[in-house]
Amino acid sequence: MFQFLSVLIGLVCAAFMVPGLIPLLGWVNWAVLAGCVLGVIFGSFCDKKIGLTINVAVGIVAVLRLFLGGGVF
């Protein structure tokens, strides 16, 4: 059950991250990061780590976008 939730959260966050890559919509990445943290928590309780991997990858791209856009110091 946790694995399904983690993968679902990761895919939803990835879908929301795509518009967040557009200039002036970078604030969406803050919500994506919050979702990724929740997905990482759920993914850490599973035997298979696919949900954890998806959430970490989406989180890294969101942090990189925030860093490049000046949203993270």
C-alpha atoms as a PDB file:
ATOM      1  CA  MET A   1       0.000   0.000   0.000  1.00  0.00           C
ATOM      2  CA  PHE A   2       2.809   2.434   0.891  1.00  0.00           C
ATOM      3  CA  GLN A   3       4.577   1.671  -2.371  1.00  0.00           C
ATOM      4  CA  PHE A   4       1.461   2.473  -4.386  1.00  0.00           C
ATOM      5  CA  LEU A   5       1.013   5.750  -2.488  1.00  0.00           C
ATOM      6  CA  SER A   6       4.658   6.673  -2.955  1.00  0.00           C
ATOM      7  CA  VAL A   7       4.592   6.042  -6.711  1.00  0.00           C
ATOM      8  CA  LEU A   8       1.279   7.879  -7.047  1.00  0.00           C
ATOM      9  CA  ILE A   9       2.583  10.893  -5.123  1.00  0.00           C
ATOM     10  CA  GLY A  10       5.777  10.865  -7.211  1.00  0.00           C
ATOM     11  CA  LEU A  11       3.877  10.836 -10.499  1.00  0.00           C
ATOM     12  CA  VAL A  12       1.514  13.598  -9.380  1.00  0.00           C
ATOM     13  CA  CYS A  13       4.485  15.692  -8.235  1.00  0.00           C
ATOM     14  CA  ALA A  14       6.215  15.081 -11.559  1.00  0.00           C
ATOM     15  CA  ALA A  15       3.092  16.233 -13.409  1.00  0.00           C
ATOM     16  CA  PHE A  16       2.940  19.412 -11.323  1.00  0.00           C
ATOM     17  CA  MET A  17       6.658  20.003 -11.733  1.00  0.00           C
ATOM     18  CA  VAL A  18       6.425  20.344 -15.525  1.00  0.00           C
ATOM     19  CA  PRO A  19       4.518  23.659 -15.398  1.00  0.00           C
ATOM     20  CA  GLY A  20       6.847  24.716 -12.579  1.00  0.00           C
ATOM     21  CA  LEU A  21       9.746  24.690 -15.034  1.00  0.00           C
ATOM     22  CA  ILE A  22       8.178  27.599 -16.926  1.00  0.00           C
ATOM     23  CA  PRO A  23       9.486  31.016 -15.874  1.00  0.00           C
ATOM     24  CA  LEU A  24       7.267  32.879 -13.366  1.00  0.00           C
ATOM     25  CA  LEU A  25       5.708  29.583 -12.215  1.00  0.00           C
ATOM     26  CA  GLY A  26       8.667  28.461 -10.138  1.00  0.00           C
ATOM     27  CA  TRP A  27       6.652  28.836  -6.924  1.00  0.00           C
ATOM     28  CA  VAL A  28       4.879  25.579  -7.872  1.00  0.00           C
ATOM     29  CA  ASN A  29       8.129  23.765  -7.092  1.00  0.00           C
ATOM     30  CA  TRP A  30       7.742  24.553  -3.385  1.00  0.00           C
ATOM     31  CA  ALA A  31       4.499  22.539  -3.339  1.00  0.00           C
ATOM     32  CA  VAL A  32       6.199  19.804  -5.381  1.00  0.00           C
ATOM     33  CA  LEU A  33       8.975  19.612  -2.778  1.00  0.00           C
ATOM     34  CA  ALA A  34       6.437  19.207   0.021  1.00  0.00           C
ATOM     35  CA  GLY A  35       4.782  16.379  -1.901  1.00  0.00           C
ATOM     36  CA  CYS A  36       8.130  14.741  -2.607  1.00  0.00           C
ATOM     37  CA  VAL A  37       8.978  14.724   1.091  1.00  0.00           C
ATOM     38  CA  LEU A  38       5.696  12.945   1.784  1.00  0.00           C
ATOM     39  CA  GLY A  39       6.420  10.473  -1.026  1.00  0.00           C
ATOM     40  CA  VAL A  40       9.926   9.813   0.326  1.00  0.00           C
ATOM     41  CA  ILE A  41       8.461   9.086   3.754  1.00  0.00           C
ATOM     42  CA  PHE A  42       5.996   6.574   2.293  1.00  0.00           C
ATOM     43  CA  GLY A  43       8.642   5.111  -0.020  1.00  0.00           C
ATOM     44  CA  SER A  44      11.088   4.471   2.789  1.00  0.00           C
ATOM     45  CA  PHE A  45       8.765   1.866   4.337  1.00  0.00           C
ATOM     46  CA  CYS A  46       8.670  -0.336   1.200  1.00  0.00           C
ATOM     47  CA  ASP A  47      10.809  -3.248   0.085  1.00  0.00           C
ATOM     48  CA  LYS A  48      10.967  -2.016  -3.501  1.00  0.00           C
ATOM     49  CA  LYS A  49      12.365   1.487  -3.714  1.00  0.00           C
ATOM     50  CA  ILE A  50      10.834   2.654  -7.022  1.00  0.00           C
ATOM     51  CA  GLY A  51       8.573   5.217  -5.339  1.00  0.00           C
ATOM     52  CA  LEU A  52      11.468   6.505  -3.275  1.00  0.00           C
ATOM     53  CA  THR A  53      13.595   6.839  -6.408  1.00  0.00           C
ATOM     54  CA  ILE A  54      10.880   8.715  -8.314  1.00  0.00           C
ATOM     55  CA  ASN A  55      10.320  11.157  -5.463  1.00  0.00           C
ATOM     56  CA  VAL A  56      14.022  11.798  -4.935  1.00  0.00           C
ATOM     57  CA  ALA A  57      14.553  12.426  -8.662  1.00  0.00           C
ATOM     58  CA  VAL A  58      11.597  14.828  -8.862  1.00  0.00           C
ATOM     59  CA  GLY A  59      12.791  16.566  -5.699  1.00  0.00           C
ATOM     60  CA  ILE A  60      16.305  17.029  -7.070  1.00  0.00           C
ATOM     61  CA  VAL A  61      14.984  18.573 -10.292  1.00  0.00           C
ATOM     62  CA  ALA A  62      12.651  20.865  -8.309  1.00  0.00           C
ATOM     63  CA  VAL A  63      15.481  22.008  -6.020  1.00  0.00           C
ATOM     64  CA  LEU A  64      17.742  22.577  -9.015  1.00  0.00           C
ATOM     65  CA  ARG A  65      15.053  24.688 -10.695  1.00  0.00           C
ATOM     66  CA  LEU A  66      14.539  26.701  -7.506  1.00  0.00           C
ATOM     67  CA  PHE A  67      18.283  27.177  -7.121  1.00  0.00           C
ATOM     68  CA  LEU A  68      18.710  28.371 -10.687  1.00  0.00           C
ATOM     69  CA  GLY A  69      15.696  30.662 -10.438  1.00  0.00           C
ATOM     70  CA  GLY A  70      16.840  32.273  -7.211  1.00  0.00           C
ATOM     71  CA  GLY A  71      14.174  30.710  -4.996  1.00  0.00           C
ATOM     72  CA  VAL A  72      16.697  28.974  -2.745  1.00  0.00           C
ATOM     73  CA  PHE A  73      19.721  30.825  -1.412  1.00  0.00           C
END
